[in-house]
Amino acid sequence: MAHCMIIVPLLISLCLLLPSIQASKFQYCDNNKDYDVKVSGVKISPNPVKKGKPATFTISASTSESITDGKMRVDVRYFGFPVYSQDHDLCEETSCPVTSGNFVVSHTEELPGFTPPGSYSLTMKMINGESHELTCISFGFRIGSASSLSDI
């Protein structure tokens, strides 16, 4: 009986935590292209993203070729209009060199407090040092409305 008193609250807290780090659906930019880097999943934490707070986008992927340098290009759209575009050093987002096999790219960004709530789309491209596109994916995410007092 004592075990149930511990397990039930643990399961409830896990159920409350999981939606904030759930996997997001993604699609390749070109379904007919055979990308060198295969993406297996995208996680956004927290989900929905909270303006004025850090948000982490984690991409799980695999490659059959070694990656020694490159960049990650991020483009964000709001209702189809471009609102953010930036290149990041790929080796700052993951450990280089990336050897063949599975790896993770993780990028954290803090959105300004004046960011409007709603649905956004993000396109992420990985490009190696020779300007060859390794992969390109897009996925949607939401930015929640104003932070509640409990978030302060």
Protein backbone atom coordinates (compact mmCIF):
# COMPACT_ATOMS: atom_id res chain seq x y z
CA MET A 1 0.00 0.00 0.00
CA ALA A 2 2.86 2.39 0.82
CA HIS A 3 4.29 1.79 -2.68
CA CYS A 4 1.03 2.99 -4.25
CA MET A 5 1.26 6.24 -2.27
CA ILE A 6 4.65 6.90 -3.90
CA ILE A 7 4.00 5.52 -7.39
CA VAL A 8 0.71 7.32 -8.06
CA PRO A 9 2.11 10.85 -7.46
CA LEU A 10 5.19 9.93 -9.53
CA LEU A 11 3.03 8.80 -12.47
CA ILE A 12 0.89 11.94 -12.24
CA SER A 13 3.96 14.20 -12.30
CA LEU A 14 5.38 12.30 -15.28
CA CYS A 15 2.10 12.77 -17.17
CA LEU A 16 2.24 16.50 -16.46
CA LEU A 17 5.89 16.77 -17.52
CA LEU A 18 5.79 14.72 -20.73
CA PRO A 19 3.58 17.09 -22.77
CA SER A 20 6.14 19.86 -22.23
CA ILE A 21 8.90 17.82 -23.93
CA GLN A 22 6.91 15.81 -26.44
CA ALA A 23 8.25 14.94 -29.85
CA SER A 24 7.11 17.09 -32.76
CA LYS A 25 6.17 15.91 -36.20
CA PHE A 26 8.55 17.01 -38.92
CA GLN A 27 8.85 16.64 -42.66
CA TYR A 28 11.76 16.77 -45.06
CA CYS A 29 11.90 19.84 -47.28
CA ASP A 30 12.16 17.61 -50.35
CA ASN A 31 10.66 14.12 -49.99
CA ASN A 32 12.33 13.02 -53.23
CA LYS A 33 15.86 13.87 -52.07
CA ASP A 34 18.11 11.28 -50.41
CA TYR A 35 19.70 13.40 -47.66
CA ASP A 36 23.05 12.36 -46.19
CA VAL A 37 21.73 13.10 -42.69
CA LYS A 38 18.57 11.23 -41.73
CA VAL A 39 16.47 12.86 -39.00
CA SER A 40 14.65 10.52 -36.64
CA GLY A 41 13.00 13.00 -34.30
CA VAL A 42 12.51 16.56 -33.11
CA LYS A 43 11.79 17.57 -29.51
CA ILE A 44 10.84 21.04 -28.33
CA SER A 45 11.10 22.01 -24.69
CA PRO A 46 9.02 23.56 -23.34
CA ASN A 47 6.13 22.91 -25.68
CA PRO A 48 4.45 25.29 -26.27
CA VAL A 49 7.41 27.68 -26.25
CA LYS A 50 7.15 30.52 -23.73
CA LYS A 51 8.18 33.98 -24.85
CA GLY A 52 10.90 35.54 -22.77
CA LYS A 53 12.06 32.06 -21.69
CA PRO A 54 14.68 29.74 -23.23
CA ALA A 55 13.38 27.12 -25.68
CA THR A 56 15.44 24.11 -26.73
CA PHE A 57 15.06 22.41 -30.10
CA THR A 58 16.68 18.95 -30.12
CA ILE A 59 17.10 17.05 -33.38
CA SER A 60 18.03 13.35 -33.33
CA ALA A 61 19.73 12.23 -36.53
CA SER A 62 22.15 9.78 -38.11
CA THR A 63 24.77 9.94 -40.82
CA SER A 64 26.88 7.44 -42.71
CA GLU A 65 29.58 10.06 -43.46
CA SER A 66 31.80 11.95 -41.03
CA ILE A 67 30.96 15.65 -40.57
CA THR A 68 33.88 17.85 -39.57
CA ASP A 69 32.40 21.33 -40.04
CA GLY A 70 29.42 23.17 -41.38
CA LYS A 71 26.50 25.34 -40.43
CA MET A 72 22.92 25.00 -39.37
CA ARG A 73 20.56 27.49 -41.01
CA VAL A 74 17.35 28.26 -39.12
CA ASP A 75 14.43 30.08 -40.74
CA VAL A 76 11.24 30.83 -38.80
CA ARG A 77 7.93 31.94 -40.29
CA TYR A 78 4.81 33.33 -38.64
CA PHE A 79 1.64 32.99 -40.75
CA GLY A 80 3.95 32.38 -43.72
CA PHE A 81 5.97 35.58 -43.23
CA PRO A 82 9.69 35.27 -42.45
CA VAL A 83 10.40 36.58 -38.94
CA TYR A 84 13.81 35.11 -38.09
CA SER A 85 16.76 33.74 -40.01
CA GLN A 86 20.18 32.90 -38.68
CA ASP A 87 23.15 30.64 -39.35
CA HIS A 88 24.81 28.76 -36.49
CA ASP A 89 28.13 26.91 -36.43
CA LEU A 90 27.11 23.25 -36.59
CA CYS A 91 30.01 22.27 -34.33
CA GLU A 92 28.65 24.58 -31.60
CA GLU A 93 25.30 22.77 -31.76
CA THR A 94 26.80 19.24 -31.66
CA SER A 95 30.23 17.71 -31.00
CA CYS A 96 32.47 17.69 -34.07
CA PRO A 97 33.66 15.68 -35.72
CA VAL A 98 30.42 13.76 -36.05
CA THR A 99 31.33 10.18 -36.89
CA SER A 100 29.04 7.84 -38.77
CA GLY A 101 26.07 6.80 -36.67
CA ASN A 102 23.58 8.56 -34.43
CA PHE A 103 24.06 12.10 -33.13
CA VAL A 104 22.04 14.93 -31.61
CA VAL A 105 21.90 18.61 -32.53
CA SER A 106 20.56 20.85 -29.79
CA HIS A 107 19.91 24.58 -30.06
CA THR A 108 18.58 26.84 -27.32
CA GLU A 109 17.08 30.23 -28.10
CA GLU A 110 15.38 32.76 -25.85
CA LEU A 111 12.49 34.47 -27.58
CA PRO A 112 11.90 38.16 -26.82
CA GLY A 113 9.01 39.02 -24.50
CA PHE A 114 7.23 40.88 -27.31
CA THR A 115 7.03 37.78 -29.54
CA PRO A 116 3.37 37.29 -30.59
CA PRO A 117 1.71 34.04 -29.50
CA GLY A 118 0.54 31.60 -32.16
CA SER A 119 1.68 28.95 -34.63
CA TYR A 120 5.10 29.18 -36.25
CA SER A 121 6.99 27.03 -38.73
CA LEU A 122 10.73 26.38 -38.55
CA THR A 123 12.95 25.16 -41.37
CA MET A 124 16.36 23.81 -40.40
CA LYS A 125 19.11 22.99 -42.90
CA MET A 126 22.46 21.38 -42.15
CA ILE A 127 25.15 22.35 -44.63
CA ASN A 128 28.69 20.98 -44.56
CA GLY A 129 31.89 23.00 -45.05
CA GLU A 130 31.75 22.45 -48.83
CA SER A 131 28.24 24.04 -48.99
CA HIS A 132 26.58 20.65 -49.58
CA GLU A 133 23.11 20.39 -48.01
CA LEU A 134 23.18 17.43 -45.61
CA THR A 135 19.53 17.62 -44.59
CA CYS A 136 16.55 19.96 -44.53
CA ILE A 137 13.49 19.57 -42.32
CA SER A 138 10.56 21.71 -41.31
CA PHE A 139 8.20 21.50 -38.37
CA GLY A 140 5.66 23.59 -36.57
CA PHE A 141 5.70 24.89 -33.02
CA ARG A 142 3.53 27.12 -30.89
CA ILE A 143 4.38 30.10 -28.77
CA GLY A 144 2.05 30.37 -25.81
CA SER A 145 0.32 33.51 -24.70
CA ALA A 146 1.72 35.74 -21.98
CA SER A 147 3.53 33.95 -19.17
CA SER A 148 1.46 33.28 -16.10
CA LEU A 149 2.52 34.46 -12.65
CA SER A 150 3.62 30.90 -11.82
CA ASP A 151 6.31 31.15 -14.54
CA ILE A 152 7.97 34.19 -12.96
